[in-house]
Amino acid sequence: MDIQRSILIVALAIVSYLMVLQWNQDYGQAALPTASTSASSAQSTLPDDNATAKTSDDVPTATNAERSEPAATQAVAPSNDLIRVETDVLHLAIDPVGGDIVQLTLPQFPRRQDRPDVPFQLFDNGGERVYLAQSGLVGAGGPDARANGRPLFSATQRNFKLADGQDQLVVDLTFSEAGVNYIKRFTLTRGKYDLQVTYKIDNQSAQPWTGSMYAQLKRDASADPSTTTATGVSTYLGAAVWTPDEPYKKVSMKDMDKQPFKETVQGGWVAWLQHYFVTAWIADKEQNNVIQTRKDSRGNYIVGFVGPTLNIPAGASAETSATLFAGPKVQSHLKELSPGLELTVDYGFLWFIAQPIFWLLQHIHSLLGNWGWSIIVLTILIKAAFFPLSAASYRSMARMRAVSPKLQALKEQFGDDRQKMSQAMMELYKKEKINPLGGCLPILVQMPVFLALYWVLLESVEMRQAPWMFWITDLSIKDPFFILPIIMGATMFIQQQLNPTPPDPMQAKVLKLMPIIFTFFFLWFPAGLVLYWVVNNVLSIAQQWYITRQIEAASKKAAA
């Protein structure tokens, strides 16, 4: 009978495993855009009813008093002839209507590891989501504040590409109206994810020109396309801004739903964050800018800034500019662009612990060249640093295990008399010099470090599509065969066998279920995180087994 039951359990486990593998193959990877969606996204820049171009709240109110209302609702029709620009790290499309960047992909970051030919897409305007970078000139003379809508720019060609041996690419869009000549210049540099957007205004009219530059990011409420876990644990998706009081201030979509945010700062930046990637407009650090958030009539979320008023006399010219970053959250790059921007690599409230851990992980990787082995070495170093605390915890548990027969005898002696049972247990602990909390306190001290490491592994873009060995080709997504989670559950079970059995039968049954529960919980965790837990558990087992063996040997020697 026992053999039949064992066979049934093994067969059920194998069938369940195969079913999970099949489910993972069918639904476990992010879907690629369909050909029709890609074509639609490539050809259209605005919704087909031109609502975005016509909607007045798409253009911010100028900061000066000369204009208190948004632009009128008539607009120039959007152009289907997008201006394509390619560098080694950025492929983007600019809409001639307004000169907004309406599409942007990252050729160095494939959307999926098995399809290196499909780059990850940040900006999109109607394909899978609405997410774009807008900029323009508002105010009394600003062409984006005209009654007939935003300006229609022209360019010398429709396709621009950074040539081999060329370090910089300049794309000029031109527009003229009422004696004023405008150049909207995009300057891109090889190997860089930031580009300069400059407005050159040549006032050849008979009247002075006044206006302000604005720059903003617009996004809908769609899900984060770069999230790779199915556990419900995700990184922050939303806006962030720089203020003098808070170098990294989150302004979530829920915050924007409640009320707009508005503050005047010197310099500063506005950003939109998602897992692994960030886009940010960075203002001139010498000028005062009004940072603000709002929602348009279609429910899209907008975060941006409006610069100071430019006053250009007749016959004179001037320029104003801002920097747009669109790429991976690499702290060293972000820190160079603007103070506080590196904080968009959000390690949560334990960032002050996470930052040194990431620094150490980077240095280990510079020696080993593999993030999987770097995680293993980092786990060993952290375990070694906490060796004294862990040893104290394991000694306490080993002593508890040694007196388990005596505790069981007390339970049989006093039965349901809980008061006498508690008194007898405390006397036994005192006699054997056991601290009941000795096994808990060291673990609690280590928890902040383990949580910080968890967020380092989850948030760092360096882990994205990073291979380890064998079947683990991407540490940022789940193990495709769920082998690491199963090993992790097995190591948890072994750890339990080394721990003392709780005197409460119900508690003992719950603890026996924990390895199974955690195994299923970790099935969809990124492989890098599961690898950390496996290594940590194996080291803990070795340490606990060694200490338990020492104490049991000492107890036998004392008894003899």
Protein backbone atom coordinates (compact mmCIF):
# COMPACT_ATOMS: atom_id res chain seq x y z
CA MET A 1 0.00 0.00 0.00
CA ASP A 2 2.82 2.35 0.90
CA ILE A 3 4.56 1.53 -2.38
CA GLN A 4 1.40 2.29 -4.37
CA ARG A 5 0.96 5.60 -2.59
CA SER A 6 4.58 6.54 -3.22
CA ILE A 7 4.25 5.68 -6.91
CA LEU A 8 1.09 7.79 -7.20
CA ILE A 9 2.75 10.75 -5.48
CA VAL A 10 5.80 10.56 -7.77
CA ALA A 11 3.58 10.22 -10.87
CA LEU A 12 1.46 13.20 -9.78
CA ALA A 13 4.58 15.27 -9.20
CA ILE A 14 5.96 14.43 -12.66
CA VAL A 15 2.65 15.23 -14.39
CA SER A 16 2.36 18.51 -12.48
CA TYR A 17 5.92 19.44 -13.43
CA LEU A 18 5.28 18.73 -17.13
CA MET A 19 2.06 20.75 -17.05
CA VAL A 20 3.86 23.74 -15.53
CA LEU A 21 6.59 23.46 -18.17
CA GLN A 22 3.99 23.46 -20.95
CA TRP A 23 2.20 26.44 -19.43
CA ASN A 24 5.49 28.30 -19.21
CA GLN A 25 6.23 27.56 -22.86
CA ASP A 26 2.80 28.78 -23.98
CA TYR A 27 2.34 31.81 -21.73
CA GLY A 28 5.57 32.44 -19.88
CA GLN A 29 7.20 34.90 -22.29
CA ALA A 30 6.25 38.40 -23.28
CA ALA A 31 4.39 38.50 -26.57
CA LEU A 32 6.10 40.13 -29.52
CA PRO A 33 4.26 42.87 -31.43
CA THR A 34 2.30 41.60 -34.39
CA ALA A 35 3.14 42.71 -37.89
CA SER A 36 -0.06 44.74 -38.16
CA THR A 37 0.62 46.46 -34.86
CA SER A 38 4.19 47.24 -35.83
CA ALA A 39 3.10 48.62 -39.19
CA SER A 40 0.40 50.73 -37.61
CA SER A 41 2.84 52.06 -35.05
CA ALA A 42 5.44 52.81 -37.71
CA GLN A 43 3.05 54.70 -39.98
CA SER A 44 0.90 56.68 -37.57
CA THR A 45 2.03 59.32 -35.15
CA LEU A 46 -1.27 60.35 -33.61
CA PRO A 47 -4.68 58.70 -33.17
CA ASP A 48 -6.56 58.66 -36.44
CA ASP A 49 -9.10 61.24 -35.26
CA ASN A 50 -6.28 63.74 -34.67
CA ALA A 51 -7.48 64.13 -31.11
CA THR A 52 -3.97 64.45 -29.70
CA ALA A 53 -3.07 67.27 -32.05
CA LYS A 54 -6.37 69.01 -31.39
CA THR A 55 -6.48 68.57 -27.63
CA SER A 56 -5.52 71.83 -25.98
CA ASP A 57 -4.26 70.24 -22.74
CA ASP A 58 -1.47 68.47 -24.64
CA VAL A 59 0.43 71.80 -24.63
CA PRO A 60 1.20 73.34 -21.22
CA THR A 61 0.28 76.84 -20.16
CA ALA A 62 3.14 79.31 -20.45
CA THR A 63 4.67 80.58 -17.24
CA ASN A 64 4.37 84.23 -18.20
CA ALA A 65 1.20 86.24 -17.73
CA GLU A 66 0.74 86.94 -21.42
CA ARG A 67 -1.01 83.63 -21.94
CA SER A 68 -3.35 82.18 -19.39
CA GLU A 69 -5.26 79.68 -21.52
CA PRO A 70 -4.08 76.66 -23.52
CA ALA A 71 -3.89 76.69 -27.28
CA ALA A 72 -7.00 76.61 -29.41
CA THR A 73 -8.41 73.32 -30.63
CA GLN A 74 -7.71 73.53 -34.37
CA ALA A 75 -4.53 71.84 -35.52
CA VAL A 76 -2.31 71.05 -38.45
CA ALA A 77 -2.97 67.46 -39.50
CA PRO A 78 -0.26 65.05 -38.28
CA SER A 79 2.19 63.79 -40.85
CA ASN A 80 2.55 60.14 -41.71
CA ASP A 81 6.09 60.78 -43.00
CA LEU A 82 8.01 60.30 -39.79
CA ILE A 83 11.63 61.38 -39.68
CA ARG A 84 13.78 58.35 -38.85
CA VAL A 85 17.03 58.78 -36.91
CA GLU A 86 19.47 55.97 -36.08
CA THR A 87 22.59 55.78 -33.94
CA ASP A 88 24.36 52.74 -32.58
CA VAL A 89 22.21 52.78 -29.40
CA LEU A 90 19.04 54.70 -30.34
CA HIS A 91 16.52 54.31 -33.14
CA LEU A 92 13.88 57.02 -33.01
CA ALA A 93 11.11 58.57 -35.07
CA ILE A 94 10.19 62.27 -34.99
CA ASP A 95 6.78 63.57 -35.96
CA PRO A 96 7.13 66.70 -38.16
CA VAL A 97 3.99 68.04 -36.45
CA GLY A 98 5.50 69.61 -33.34
CA GLY A 99 8.78 67.73 -33.66
CA ASP A 100 7.92 65.22 -30.91
CA ILE A 101 9.78 61.92 -30.51
CA VAL A 102 6.92 59.47 -30.94
CA GLN A 103 8.88 56.21 -31.29
CA LEU A 104 12.14 55.08 -29.75
CA THR A 105 13.73 51.63 -29.60
CA LEU A 106 16.96 50.39 -28.02
CA PRO A 107 18.85 48.10 -30.46
CA GLN A 108 21.36 47.10 -27.76
CA PHE A 109 18.51 45.70 -25.61
CA PRO A 110 16.44 43.00 -27.36
CA ARG A 111 12.86 42.72 -26.26
CA ARG A 112 13.36 39.00 -25.75
CA GLN A 113 16.57 37.02 -25.57
CA ASP A 114 15.37 34.51 -28.16
CA ARG A 115 14.63 37.32 -30.62
CA PRO A 116 17.70 39.59 -30.75
CA ASP A 117 16.32 41.15 -33.94
CA VAL A 118 13.39 42.76 -32.08
CA PRO A 119 14.66 45.73 -30.03
CA PHE A 120 13.02 46.87 -26.83
CA GLN A 121 10.64 49.76 -27.48
CA LEU A 122 10.40 52.67 -25.05
CA PHE A 123 8.38 55.30 -26.92
CA ASP A 124 5.29 54.35 -28.86
CA ASN A 125 2.24 56.34 -29.94
CA GLY A 126 -0.69 54.10 -30.58
CA GLY A 127 0.88 50.69 -31.28
CA GLU A 128 0.96 49.02 -27.87
CA ARG A 129 0.81 52.12 -25.68
CA VAL A 130 1.06 55.91 -25.66
CA TYR A 131 4.48 57.00 -24.42
CA LEU A 132 6.39 59.88 -26.04
CA ALA A 133 8.67 62.84 -25.45
CA GLN A 134 7.25 66.24 -26.39
CA SER A 135 8.83 69.67 -26.53
CA GLY A 136 7.96 73.03 -27.98
CA LEU A 137 7.70 76.80 -27.56
CA VAL A 138 4.75 78.42 -25.80
CA GLY A 139 3.93 81.95 -24.79
CA ALA A 140 2.90 85.02 -26.77
CA GLY A 141 5.17 84.18 -29.73
CA GLY A 142 5.49 80.43 -29.31
CA PRO A 143 4.49 78.49 -32.46
CA ASP A 144 3.10 75.65 -30.30
CA ALA A 145 0.59 78.08 -28.81
CA ARG A 146 -0.85 79.15 -32.16
CA ALA A 147 -4.58 79.24 -32.71
CA ASN A 148 -4.24 76.82 -35.64
CA GLY A 149 -2.23 74.25 -33.68
CA ARG A 150 1.35 73.08 -33.51
CA PRO A 151 3.88 73.87 -36.25
CA LEU A 152 4.61 71.54 -39.16
CA PHE A 153 8.41 71.29 -39.42
CA SER A 154 10.36 70.31 -42.51
CA ALA A 155 13.66 68.49 -42.85
CA THR A 156 16.18 68.02 -45.66
CA GLN A 157 15.61 64.24 -45.63
CA ARG A 158 13.44 61.59 -44.00
CA ASN A 159 16.19 59.26 -42.80
CA PHE A 160 19.29 60.13 -40.80
CA LYS A 161 21.91 57.58 -39.70
CA LEU A 162 25.13 57.88 -37.74
CA ALA A 163 27.80 56.74 -40.19
CA ASP A 164 30.80 54.57 -39.36
CA GLY A 165 33.54 56.73 -37.90
CA GLN A 166 31.08 59.53 -37.15
CA ASP A 167 30.76 60.47 -33.46
CA GLN A 168 27.88 62.94 -33.66
CA LEU A 169 24.68 63.26 -35.65
CA VAL A 170 22.76 66.54 -36.00
CA VAL A 171 19.17 66.61 -37.26
CA ASP A 172 17.62 70.02 -38.00
CA LEU A 173 13.90 70.67 -38.36
CA THR A 174 12.91 74.10 -39.67
CA PHE A 175 9.79 76.24 -39.55
CA SER A 176 9.10 79.89 -40.37
CA GLU A 177 6.14 82.10 -39.50
CA ALA A 178 5.49 85.85 -39.35
CA GLY A 179 9.13 86.73 -39.97
CA VAL A 180 10.48 84.39 -37.29
CA ASN A 181 12.68 81.44 -38.30
CA TYR A 182 12.85 78.40 -36.03
CA ILE A 183 15.31 75.52 -36.00
CA LYS A 184 14.61 72.55 -33.75
CA ARG A 185 17.93 70.72 -33.55
CA PHE A 186 18.47 67.16 -32.27
CA THR A 187 22.09 66.34 -31.44
CA LEU A 188 22.90 62.67 -30.86
CA THR A 189 26.27 61.17 -29.87
CA ARG A 190 27.69 57.72 -30.50
CA GLY A 191 27.28 55.35 -27.55
CA LYS A 192 25.08 57.74 -25.57
CA TYR A 193 21.42 57.47 -24.62
CA ASP A 194 21.07 61.21 -24.02
CA LEU A 195 20.44 63.70 -26.80
CA GLN A 196 20.30 67.48 -26.91
CA VAL A 197 17.15 69.25 -28.12
CA THR A 198 17.88 72.89 -28.99
CA TYR A 199 15.57 75.63 -30.28
CA LYS A 200 17.26 78.35 -32.34
CA ILE A 201 14.98 81.36 -32.79
CA ASP A 202 15.89 84.01 -35.34
CA ASN A 203 13.51 86.97 -35.00
CA GLN A 204 13.53 88.82 -38.35
CA SER A 205 10.13 90.38 -37.70
CA ALA A 206 9.50 93.98 -36.74
CA GLN A 207 8.21 93.01 -33.29
CA PRO A 208 9.96 91.61 -30.22
CA TRP A 209 9.45 87.87 -29.67
CA THR A 210 8.62 86.31 -26.29
CA GLY A 211 8.12 82.68 -25.40
CA SER A 212 9.22 79.75 -23.27
CA MET A 213 10.45 76.24 -24.02
CA TYR A 214 8.60 73.32 -22.54
CA ALA A 215 9.60 69.65 -22.39
CA GLN A 216 7.42 66.81 -21.15
CA LEU A 217 6.85 63.06 -21.10
CA LYS A 218 3.39 61.70 -21.81
CA ARG A 219 2.31 58.16 -20.99
CA ASP A 220 -0.89 56.21 -20.62
CA ALA A 221 -1.71 53.92 -17.70
CA SER A 222 -0.70 50.68 -19.45
CA ALA A 223 1.38 48.06 -17.64
CA ASP A 224 5.17 48.01 -17.54
CA PRO A 225 6.39 46.07 -20.62
CA SER A 226 9.78 45.32 -19.05
CA THR A 227 8.44 43.56 -15.94
CA THR A 228 9.55 39.94 -16.05
CA THR A 229 8.09 38.44 -12.87
CA ALA A 230 4.63 36.98 -12.40
CA THR A 231 4.76 37.11 -8.62
CA GLY A 232 3.04 40.45 -8.14
CA VAL A 233 6.37 41.95 -7.04
CA SER A 234 7.25 44.79 -9.37
CA THR A 235 9.38 47.89 -9.41
CA TYR A 236 8.01 51.43 -9.48
CA LEU A 237 6.14 52.53 -12.60
CA GLY A 238 5.47 56.26 -12.58
CA ALA A 239 6.94 59.74 -12.63
CA ALA A 240 9.69 61.30 -10.54
CA VAL A 241 11.05 64.83 -10.28
CA TRP A 242 13.96 66.69 -8.71
CA THR A 243 13.32 69.37 -6.11
CA PRO A 244 15.72 71.18 -3.76
CA ASP A 245 14.18 69.41 -0.77
CA GLU A 246 13.93 65.97 -2.38
CA PRO A 247 16.51 65.00 -5.02
CA TYR A 248 14.26 62.08 -5.95
CA LYS A 249 10.56 62.71 -5.46
CA LYS A 250 8.08 60.14 -6.75
CA VAL A 251 4.87 61.43 -8.30
CA SER A 252 2.81 58.34 -8.97
CA MET A 253 -0.18 58.05 -11.27
CA LYS A 254 -2.39 57.92 -8.17
CA ASP A 255 -0.84 61.20 -7.02
CA MET A 256 -1.64 62.78 -10.39
CA ASP A 257 -5.19 61.46 -10.16
CA LYS A 258 -5.64 63.30 -6.86
CA GLN A 259 -4.09 66.65 -7.77
CA PRO A 260 -1.46 68.17 -10.08
CA PHE A 261 2.07 68.76 -8.82
CA LYS A 262 3.70 72.14 -9.48
CA GLU A 263 6.93 73.67 -8.19
CA THR A 264 9.53 76.15 -9.41
CA VAL A 265 13.12 74.91 -9.22
CA GLN A 266 16.50 75.92 -10.54
CA GLY A 267 17.65 73.36 -13.08
CA GLY A 268 16.18 70.02 -12.15
CA TRP A 269 14.75 67.11 -14.15
CA VAL A 270 11.54 65.19 -14.70
CA ALA A 271 11.47 61.47 -15.41
CA TRP A 272 9.28 58.47 -16.06
CA LEU A 273 10.45 55.21 -14.52
CA GLN A 274 9.82 51.58 -15.35
CA HIS A 275 11.64 48.32 -14.71
CA TYR A 276 15.25 48.60 -15.96
CA PHE A 277 14.66 51.77 -18.06
CA VAL A 278 14.06 55.46 -17.50
CA THR A 279 13.32 58.50 -19.64
CA ALA A 280 14.08 61.99 -18.38
CA TRP A 281 14.08 65.60 -19.50
CA ILE A 282 16.98 67.49 -17.92
CA ALA A 283 16.72 71.27 -17.81
CA ASP A 284 19.45 73.88 -17.99
CA LYS A 285 20.89 74.00 -14.46
CA GLU A 286 21.26 77.80 -14.59
CA GLN A 287 17.59 78.62 -15.29
CA ASN A 288 14.42 78.55 -13.23
CA ASN A 289 11.84 76.06 -14.45
CA VAL A 290 8.26 75.29 -13.46
CA ILE A 291 7.92 71.53 -12.96
CA GLN A 292 4.36 70.31 -13.26
CA THR A 293 2.21 67.23 -13.76
CA ARG A 294 -1.29 66.89 -15.19
CA LYS A 295 -3.62 64.61 -17.12
CA ASP A 296 -4.98 65.26 -20.58
CA SER A 297 -8.57 64.73 -21.67
CA ARG A 298 -7.76 61.17 -22.78
CA GLY A 299 -6.44 60.15 -19.39
CA ASN A 300 -2.74 60.24 -20.32
CA TYR A 301 -0.31 61.28 -17.61
CA ILE A 302 2.06 64.18 -18.32
CA VAL A 303 5.13 65.27 -16.38
CA GLY A 304 7.29 68.11 -17.65
CA PHE A 305 8.65 71.58 -17.13
CA VAL A 306 8.30 75.04 -18.66
CA GLY A 307 11.41 77.19 -18.83
CA PRO A 308 11.80 80.93 -18.24
CA THR A 309 10.52 83.52 -20.70
CA LEU A 310 12.85 84.43 -23.56
CA ASN A 311 12.68 88.02 -24.82
CA ILE A 312 14.20 88.43 -28.29
CA PRO A 313 14.22 91.93 -29.81
CA ALA A 314 13.44 92.43 -33.49
CA GLY A 315 16.42 91.46 -35.66
CA ALA A 316 18.04 89.41 -32.87
CA SER A 317 18.32 85.67 -32.23
CA ALA A 318 18.60 83.36 -29.23
CA GLU A 319 18.47 79.69 -28.34
CA THR A 320 17.29 77.45 -25.52
CA SER A 321 17.78 73.74 -24.96
CA ALA A 322 17.17 70.70 -22.78
CA THR A 323 18.58 67.16 -22.62
CA LEU A 324 16.51 64.03 -23.13
CA PHE A 325 17.71 60.70 -21.73
CA ALA A 326 16.00 57.49 -22.85
CA GLY A 327 17.74 54.26 -21.94
CA PRO A 328 18.83 51.79 -19.28
CA LYS A 329 19.18 52.64 -15.60
CA VAL A 330 22.96 52.64 -15.46
CA GLN A 331 23.86 54.64 -12.36
CA SER A 332 27.23 55.89 -13.58
CA HIS A 333 25.66 57.37 -16.74
CA LEU A 334 22.72 58.93 -14.92
CA LYS A 335 24.90 60.53 -12.26
CA GLU A 336 26.92 62.36 -14.91
CA LEU A 337 23.80 63.95 -16.40
CA SER A 338 22.24 65.53 -13.32
CA PRO A 339 22.38 65.26 -9.50
CA GLY A 340 19.83 62.82 -8.13
CA LEU A 341 19.04 61.20 -11.47
CA GLU A 342 20.97 58.07 -10.44
CA LEU A 343 18.39 57.61 -7.66
CA THR A 344 15.90 56.50 -10.31
CA VAL A 345 17.63 53.14 -9.82
CA ASP A 346 15.24 52.70 -6.93
CA TYR A 347 16.40 50.26 -4.26
CA GLY A 348 13.63 51.27 -1.89
CA PHE A 349 13.95 52.40 1.71
CA LEU A 350 17.07 50.26 2.23
CA TRP A 351 19.01 52.04 -0.52
CA PHE A 352 21.82 52.99 1.89
CA ILE A 353 22.53 49.26 2.32
CA ALA A 354 21.77 48.32 -1.28
CA GLN A 355 24.22 50.80 -2.81
CA PRO A 356 27.35 49.29 -1.14
CA ILE A 357 26.09 45.81 -2.05
CA PHE A 358 25.73 46.80 -5.70
CA TRP A 359 29.16 48.44 -5.64
CA LEU A 360 30.66 45.19 -4.33
CA LEU A 361 28.72 43.11 -6.87
CA GLN A 362 30.01 45.28 -9.72
CA HIS A 363 33.62 44.86 -8.59
CA ILE A 364 33.21 41.09 -8.31
CA HIS A 365 31.75 41.04 -11.83
CA SER A 366 34.69 43.06 -13.15
CA LEU A 367 36.92 40.17 -12.04
CA LEU A 368 34.73 37.19 -12.97
CA GLY A 369 32.84 38.55 -16.00
CA ASN A 370 29.70 36.52 -15.17
CA TRP A 371 26.80 37.82 -13.11
CA GLY A 372 25.73 34.36 -11.95
CA TRP A 373 29.10 33.53 -10.42
CA SER A 374 29.27 37.09 -9.08
CA ILE A 375 26.00 36.52 -7.20
CA ILE A 376 27.41 33.29 -5.73
CA VAL A 377 30.63 34.97 -4.57
CA LEU A 378 28.68 37.94 -3.17
CA THR A 379 26.41 35.57 -1.22
CA ILE A 380 29.47 33.80 0.21
CA LEU A 381 31.02 37.12 1.28
CA ILE A 382 27.79 38.28 2.94
CA LYS A 383 27.43 34.92 4.67
CA ALA A 384 31.01 35.17 5.91
CA ALA A 385 30.41 38.69 7.23
CA PHE A 386 27.47 37.45 9.28
CA PHE A 387 29.14 34.22 10.34
CA PRO A 388 29.32 35.12 14.08
CA LEU A 389 25.63 36.08 14.19
CA SER A 390 24.58 32.99 12.26
CA ALA A 391 26.75 30.81 14.49
CA ALA A 392 25.03 32.18 17.60
CA SER A 393 21.65 31.47 16.08
CA TYR A 394 22.58 27.92 15.08
CA ARG A 395 24.10 27.18 18.50
CA SER A 396 20.86 28.23 20.13
CA MET A 397 18.86 25.99 17.79
CA ALA A 398 21.28 23.12 18.30
CA ARG A 399 20.87 23.36 22.08
CA MET A 400 17.10 23.46 21.59
CA ARG A 401 17.38 20.32 19.46
CA ALA A 402 19.50 18.63 22.15
CA VAL A 403 16.87 19.24 24.86
CA SER A 404 13.93 18.26 22.64
CA PRO A 405 13.52 14.88 24.39
CA LYS A 406 13.37 16.65 27.75
CA LEU A 407 10.76 19.10 26.41
CA GLN A 408 8.69 16.19 25.14
CA ALA A 409 8.93 14.56 28.57
CA LEU A 410 7.72 17.75 30.23
CA LYS A 411 4.79 17.91 27.83
CA GLU A 412 3.79 14.34 28.72
CA GLN A 413 4.24 15.09 32.40
CA PHE A 414 2.13 18.24 32.62
CA GLY A 415 -0.36 17.52 29.84
CA ASP A 416 -2.74 20.44 29.29
CA ASP A 417 -1.56 22.47 32.29
CA ARG A 418 0.01 25.28 30.26
CA GLN A 419 1.07 27.33 33.28
CA LYS A 420 3.10 24.54 34.87
CA MET A 421 4.42 23.56 31.44
CA SER A 422 5.70 27.11 30.83
CA GLN A 423 7.33 27.27 34.27
CA ALA A 424 9.04 23.93 33.75
CA MET A 425 10.27 24.99 30.27
CA MET A 426 11.75 28.23 31.63
CA GLU A 427 13.55 26.29 34.40
CA LEU A 428 14.91 23.88 31.80
CA TYR A 429 16.11 26.75 29.59
CA LYS A 430 17.78 28.37 32.58
CA LYS A 431 19.45 25.12 33.61
CA GLU A 432 20.71 24.39 30.08
CA LYS A 433 21.67 28.08 29.50
CA ILE A 434 19.39 28.42 26.46
CA ASN A 435 17.96 31.73 25.26
CA PRO A 436 14.63 30.99 23.48
CA LEU A 437 15.10 34.13 21.38
CA GLY A 438 18.73 33.38 20.62
CA GLY A 439 17.86 31.84 17.27
CA CYS A 440 15.63 34.73 16.18
CA LEU A 441 17.53 37.91 16.99
CA PRO A 442 20.59 37.23 14.78
CA ILE A 443 18.28 36.43 11.85
CA LEU A 444 16.36 39.69 12.37
CA VAL A 445 19.63 41.65 12.32
CA GLN A 446 20.54 40.10 8.95
CA MET A 447 17.15 40.65 7.31
CA PRO A 448 17.79 44.27 6.15
CA VAL A 449 20.89 43.13 4.25
CA PHE A 450 19.05 40.25 2.60
CA LEU A 451 16.14 42.51 1.61
CA ALA A 452 18.54 45.11 0.20
CA LEU A 453 20.28 42.41 -1.85
CA TYR A 454 16.89 41.25 -3.11
CA TRP A 455 16.17 44.74 -4.52
CA VAL A 456 19.67 45.05 -5.99
CA LEU A 457 19.15 41.85 -7.97
CA LEU A 458 15.61 42.82 -8.96
CA GLU A 459 16.24 46.42 -10.01
CA SER A 460 19.68 46.36 -11.67
CA VAL A 461 19.49 46.46 -15.47
CA GLU A 462 22.87 44.71 -15.56
CA MET A 463 21.02 41.49 -14.71
CA ARG A 464 18.67 41.79 -17.67
CA GLN A 465 19.27 38.88 -20.10
CA ALA A 466 22.54 38.08 -18.32
CA PRO A 467 23.45 34.37 -18.64
CA TRP A 468 24.94 32.15 -15.94
CA MET A 469 25.51 28.62 -17.23
CA PHE A 470 23.73 25.63 -18.75
CA TRP A 471 19.99 26.26 -19.02
CA ILE A 472 20.08 29.59 -17.12
CA THR A 473 20.53 32.03 -20.01
CA ASP A 474 18.77 34.99 -18.36
CA LEU A 475 19.13 35.69 -14.64
CA SER A 476 16.37 38.33 -14.73
CA ILE A 477 13.56 35.91 -15.61
CA LYS A 478 12.32 32.67 -14.08
CA ASP A 479 14.17 29.40 -14.48
CA PRO A 480 12.64 27.92 -17.66
CA PHE A 481 12.72 24.38 -16.19
CA PHE A 482 12.10 25.43 -12.54
CA ILE A 483 15.12 23.43 -11.40
CA LEU A 484 16.54 26.14 -9.13
CA PRO A 485 13.22 26.63 -7.24
CA ILE A 486 12.98 22.87 -6.70
CA ILE A 487 16.55 22.78 -5.37
CA MET A 488 15.70 25.76 -3.16
CA GLY A 489 12.69 23.89 -1.71
CA ALA A 490 14.84 20.82 -1.11
CA THR A 491 17.44 22.87 0.78
CA MET A 492 14.69 24.40 2.92
CA PHE A 493 13.48 20.89 3.78
CA ILE A 494 17.02 19.83 4.78
CA GLN A 495 17.33 22.94 6.96
CA GLN A 496 14.14 22.00 8.75
CA GLN A 497 15.54 18.57 9.59
CA LEU A 498 18.43 20.29 11.37
CA ASN A 499 16.14 22.53 13.41
CA PRO A 500 14.44 21.48 16.65
CA THR A 501 10.87 20.24 16.29
CA PRO A 502 8.39 22.82 17.68
CA PRO A 503 6.50 21.56 20.76
CA ASP A 504 3.20 22.72 19.22
CA PRO A 505 1.93 20.03 16.77
CA MET A 506 0.05 22.57 14.63
CA GLN A 507 3.15 24.74 14.31
CA ALA A 508 5.17 21.68 13.34
CA LYS A 509 2.69 20.82 10.56
CA VAL A 510 2.78 24.37 9.21
CA LEU A 511 6.58 24.36 9.13
CA LYS A 512 6.57 21.10 7.19
CA LEU A 513 4.47 22.80 4.49
CA MET A 514 6.79 25.82 4.21
CA PRO A 515 9.28 24.23 1.74
CA ILE A 516 6.40 23.31 -0.58
CA ILE A 517 4.81 26.76 -0.31
CA PHE A 518 8.10 28.56 -0.91
CA THR A 519 8.93 26.31 -3.86
CA PHE A 520 5.72 27.30 -5.65
CA PHE A 521 6.20 30.92 -4.60
CA PHE A 522 9.71 31.00 -6.10
CA LEU A 523 8.78 29.28 -9.37
CA TRP A 524 8.26 32.66 -11.08
CA PHE A 525 10.99 34.60 -9.30
CA PRO A 526 13.97 35.77 -11.41
CA ALA A 527 16.62 33.06 -11.56
CA GLY A 528 19.24 35.40 -10.08
CA LEU A 529 17.20 35.81 -6.91
CA VAL A 530 16.53 32.08 -6.61
CA LEU A 531 20.24 31.40 -7.15
CA TYR A 532 21.02 33.68 -4.22
CA TRP A 533 18.56 31.82 -1.95
CA VAL A 534 19.89 28.41 -3.02
CA VAL A 535 23.50 29.37 -2.27
CA ASN A 536 22.51 31.00 1.01
CA ASN A 537 20.56 27.90 2.06
CA VAL A 538 23.41 25.54 1.15
CA LEU A 539 25.89 27.62 3.17
CA SER A 540 23.45 27.77 6.07
CA ILE A 541 23.02 23.99 6.00
CA ALA A 542 26.77 23.45 6.06
CA GLN A 543 27.27 25.90 8.91
CA GLN A 544 24.32 24.62 10.92
CA TRP A 545 25.32 20.97 10.44
CA TYR A 546 28.85 21.69 11.62
CA ILE A 547 27.74 23.62 14.73
CA THR A 548 25.04 21.07 15.61
CA ARG A 549 27.54 18.25 15.32
CA GLN A 550 29.95 20.09 17.64
CA ILE A 551 27.29 20.70 20.30
CA GLU A 552 25.90 17.17 20.14
CA ALA A 553 29.42 15.78 20.50
CA ALA A 554 30.04 18.02 23.49
CA SER A 555 26.72 16.94 25.07
CA LYS A 556 27.59 13.24 24.66
CA LYS A 557 31.02 13.85 26.13
CA ALA A 558 29.53 15.68 29.14
CA ALA A 559 26.96 12.92 29.67
CA ALA A 560 29.69 10.28 29.61
